[in-house]
Amino acid sequence: MTSLESLKRGVEELESRVTTLEEAVDDEALLSVKAHHILKQSERHVQELTFQAAEDRSNTAKMMDRVAELQRQLVRCAAQLEEAKHSAAVNLAKYREVELQKEMAAKERKGRKTY
């Protein structure tokens, strides 16, 4: 009987070991599924970031073009402003000259009327 009992005990130990190993395999399978899910999420996130980076590069290029255009426009406006200042100075000088001539003509008329 002892050999039968020892065989039963050996079988029970082996069955217990098999159950433990099956549980370990199930746990590893669950971890593998979770890891696969996390991997897929990470891949999607990487794709999103890659797409966003490409979009950001495109937007940056567009903004740089816009800044360059605005700078060119600013240079044109500055040139127009300088031209307007010059025209204003010329016109002011002409106005002052005409005013001076007008005053001189008025004095001359006044001087002629007194004689």
C-alpha atoms as a PDB file:
ATOM      1  CA  MET A   1       0.000   0.000   0.000  1.00  0.00           C
ATOM      2  CA  THR A   2       2.734   2.348   0.617  1.00  0.00           C
ATOM      3  CA  SER A   3       3.879   2.127  -2.959  1.00  0.00           C
ATOM      4  CA  LEU A   4       0.285   2.732  -4.092  1.00  0.00           C
ATOM      5  CA  GLU A   5       0.006   5.665  -1.710  1.00  0.00           C
ATOM      6  CA  SER A   6       3.333   7.015  -2.852  1.00  0.00           C
ATOM      7  CA  LEU A   7       2.215   6.674  -6.489  1.00  0.00           C
ATOM      8  CA  LYS A   8      -1.031   8.500  -5.666  1.00  0.00           C
ATOM      9  CA  ARG A   9       0.908  11.177  -3.880  1.00  0.00           C
ATOM     10  CA  GLY A  10       3.313  11.445  -6.853  1.00  0.00           C
ATOM     11  CA  VAL A  11       0.366  11.711  -9.265  1.00  0.00           C
ATOM     12  CA  GLU A  12      -1.245  14.387  -7.057  1.00  0.00           C
ATOM     13  CA  GLU A  13       1.999  16.306  -6.941  1.00  0.00           C
ATOM     14  CA  LEU A  14       2.346  16.064 -10.721  1.00  0.00           C
ATOM     15  CA  GLU A  15      -1.302  17.139 -11.191  1.00  0.00           C
ATOM     16  CA  SER A  16      -0.691  20.027  -8.821  1.00  0.00           C
ATOM     17  CA  ARG A  17       2.444  20.945 -10.761  1.00  0.00           C
ATOM     18  CA  VAL A  18       0.521  20.722 -14.062  1.00  0.00           C
ATOM     19  CA  THR A  19      -2.213  22.969 -12.632  1.00  0.00           C
ATOM     20  CA  THR A  20       0.410  25.448 -11.455  1.00  0.00           C
ATOM     21  CA  LEU A  21       2.104  25.395 -14.873  1.00  0.00           C
ATOM     22  CA  GLU A  22      -1.255  25.831 -16.658  1.00  0.00           C
ATOM     23  CA  GLU A  23      -2.008  28.835 -14.454  1.00  0.00           C
ATOM     24  CA  ALA A  24       1.442  30.248 -15.236  1.00  0.00           C
ATOM     25  CA  VAL A  25       0.834  29.715 -18.964  1.00  0.00           C
ATOM     26  CA  ASP A  26      -2.589  31.438 -18.675  1.00  0.00           C
ATOM     27  CA  ASP A  27      -0.979  34.345 -16.805  1.00  0.00           C
ATOM     28  CA  GLU A  28       1.733  34.640 -19.458  1.00  0.00           C
ATOM     29  CA  ALA A  29      -0.892  34.501 -22.229  1.00  0.00           C
ATOM     30  CA  LEU A  30      -2.832  37.292 -20.527  1.00  0.00           C
ATOM     31  CA  LEU A  31       0.343  39.346 -20.167  1.00  0.00           C
ATOM     32  CA  SER A  32       1.125  38.680 -23.820  1.00  0.00           C
ATOM     33  CA  VAL A  33      -2.331  39.926 -24.874  1.00  0.00           C
ATOM     34  CA  LYS A  34      -1.924  43.032 -22.719  1.00  0.00           C
ATOM     35  CA  ALA A  35       1.567  43.648 -24.108  1.00  0.00           C
ATOM     36  CA  HIS A  36       0.239  43.250 -27.661  1.00  0.00           C
ATOM     37  CA  HIS A  37      -2.563  45.733 -26.923  1.00  0.00           C
ATOM     38  CA  ILE A  38      -0.090  48.225 -25.441  1.00  0.00           C
ATOM     39  CA  LEU A  39       2.179  47.737 -28.466  1.00  0.00           C
ATOM     40  CA  LYS A  40      -0.705  48.485 -30.868  1.00  0.00           C
ATOM     41  CA  GLN A  41      -1.618  51.595 -28.846  1.00  0.00           C
ATOM     42  CA  SER A  42       2.016  52.738 -28.926  1.00  0.00           C
ATOM     43  CA  GLU A  43       2.225  52.163 -32.678  1.00  0.00           C
ATOM     44  CA  ARG A  44      -0.951  54.212 -33.199  1.00  0.00           C
ATOM     45  CA  HIS A  45       0.445  56.943 -30.978  1.00  0.00           C
ATOM     46  CA  VAL A  46       3.725  56.946 -32.945  1.00  0.00           C
ATOM     47  CA  GLN A  47       1.751  57.202 -36.205  1.00  0.00           C
ATOM     48  CA  GLU A  48      -0.255  60.117 -34.793  1.00  0.00           C
ATOM     49  CA  LEU A  49       2.916  61.864 -33.654  1.00  0.00           C
ATOM     50  CA  THR A  50       4.547  61.259 -37.035  1.00  0.00           C
ATOM     51  CA  PHE A  51       1.515  62.715 -38.800  1.00  0.00           C
ATOM     52  CA  GLN A  52       1.442  65.674 -36.408  1.00  0.00           C
ATOM     53  CA  ALA A  53       5.164  66.292 -36.927  1.00  0.00           C
ATOM     54  CA  ALA A  54       4.661  66.310 -40.709  1.00  0.00           C
ATOM     55  CA  GLU A  55       1.738  68.692 -40.316  1.00  0.00           C
ATOM     56  CA  ASP A  56       3.800  70.913 -38.006  1.00  0.00           C
ATOM     57  CA  ARG A  57       6.642  71.000 -40.565  1.00  0.00           C
ATOM     58  CA  SER A  58       4.163  71.960 -43.274  1.00  0.00           C
ATOM     59  CA  ASN A  59       2.603  74.651 -41.095  1.00  0.00           C
ATOM     60  CA  THR A  60       6.049  75.948 -40.127  1.00  0.00           C
ATOM     61  CA  ALA A  61       7.030  76.213 -43.795  1.00  0.00           C
ATOM     62  CA  LYS A  62       3.793  78.076 -44.569  1.00  0.00           C
ATOM     63  CA  MET A  63       4.335  80.417 -41.629  1.00  0.00           C
ATOM     64  CA  MET A  64       7.921  81.086 -42.683  1.00  0.00           C
ATOM     65  CA  ASP A  65       6.686  81.930 -46.194  1.00  0.00           C
ATOM     66  CA  ARG A  66       4.064  84.227 -44.689  1.00  0.00           C
ATOM     67  CA  VAL A  67       6.677  85.924 -42.466  1.00  0.00           C
ATOM     68  CA  ALA A  68       8.934  86.438 -45.488  1.00  0.00           C
ATOM     69  CA  GLU A  69       6.033  87.958 -47.439  1.00  0.00           C
ATOM     70  CA  LEU A  70       5.167  90.236 -44.521  1.00  0.00           C
ATOM     71  CA  GLN A  71       8.795  91.324 -44.253  1.00  0.00           C
ATOM     72  CA  ARG A  72       8.837  92.162 -47.975  1.00  0.00           C
ATOM     73  CA  GLN A  73       5.586  94.076 -47.506  1.00  0.00           C
ATOM     74  CA  LEU A  74       7.100  95.919 -44.548  1.00  0.00           C
ATOM     75  CA  VAL A  75      10.105  96.928 -46.643  1.00  0.00           C
ATOM     76  CA  ARG A  76       7.762  98.183 -49.387  1.00  0.00           C
ATOM     77  CA  CYS A  77       5.712 100.134 -46.826  1.00  0.00           C
ATOM     78  CA  ALA A  78       8.865 101.633 -45.324  1.00  0.00           C
ATOM     79  CA  ALA A  79      10.001 102.711 -48.796  1.00  0.00           C
ATOM     80  CA  GLN A  80       6.560 104.198 -49.492  1.00  0.00           C
ATOM     81  CA  LEU A  81       6.699 106.006 -46.158  1.00  0.00           C
ATOM     82  CA  GLU A  82      10.092 107.474 -46.969  1.00  0.00           C
ATOM     83  CA  GLU A  83       8.810 108.506 -50.387  1.00  0.00           C
ATOM     84  CA  ALA A  84       5.738 110.102 -48.777  1.00  0.00           C
ATOM     85  CA  LYS A  85       7.945 111.942 -46.262  1.00  0.00           C
ATOM     86  CA  HIS A  86      10.116 113.229 -49.088  1.00  0.00           C
ATOM     87  CA  SER A  87       7.049 114.342 -51.083  1.00  0.00           C
ATOM     88  CA  ALA A  88       5.622 116.008 -47.995  1.00  0.00           C
ATOM     89  CA  ALA A  89       8.912 117.840 -47.394  1.00  0.00           C
ATOM     90  CA  VAL A  90       9.053 118.949 -51.032  1.00  0.00           C
ATOM     91  CA  ASN A  91       5.422 120.074 -50.937  1.00  0.00           C
ATOM     92  CA  LEU A  92       5.959 121.888 -47.640  1.00  0.00           C
ATOM     93  CA  ALA A  93       8.961 123.679 -49.112  1.00  0.00           C
ATOM     94  CA  LYS A  94       6.893 124.647 -52.155  1.00  0.00           C
ATOM     95  CA  TYR A  95       4.077 125.836 -49.884  1.00  0.00           C
ATOM     96  CA  ARG A  96       6.466 127.918 -47.809  1.00  0.00           C
ATOM     97  CA  GLU A  97       7.981 129.363 -50.973  1.00  0.00           C
ATOM     98  CA  VAL A  98       4.519 130.296 -52.264  1.00  0.00           C
ATOM     99  CA  GLU A  99       3.571 131.773 -48.889  1.00  0.00           C
ATOM    100  CA  LEU A 100       6.787 133.797 -48.861  1.00  0.00           C
ATOM    101  CA  GLN A 101       6.138 135.014 -52.385  1.00  0.00           C
ATOM    102  CA  LYS A 102       2.559 135.874 -51.411  1.00  0.00           C
ATOM    103  CA  GLU A 103       3.751 137.832 -48.375  1.00  0.00           C
ATOM    104  CA  MET A 104       6.373 139.629 -50.444  1.00  0.00           C
ATOM    105  CA  ALA A 105       3.788 140.460 -53.116  1.00  0.00           C
ATOM    106  CA  ALA A 106       1.404 141.766 -50.444  1.00  0.00           C
ATOM    107  CA  LYS A 107       4.181 143.932 -48.953  1.00  0.00           C
ATOM    108  CA  GLU A 108       5.093 145.157 -52.401  1.00  0.00           C
ATOM    109  CA  ARG A 109       1.485 146.092 -53.136  1.00  0.00           C
ATOM    110  CA  LYS A 110       1.208 147.756 -49.775  1.00  0.00           C
ATOM    111  CA  GLY A 111       4.413 149.655 -50.444  1.00  0.00           C
ATOM    112  CA  ARG A 112       3.154 150.803 -53.830  1.00  0.00           C
ATOM    113  CA  LYS A 113      -0.145 151.987 -52.384  1.00  0.00           C
ATOM    114  CA  THR A 114       1.608 154.212 -49.869  1.00  0.00           C
ATOM    115  CA  TYR A 115       3.407 156.254 -52.594  1.00  0.00           C
END
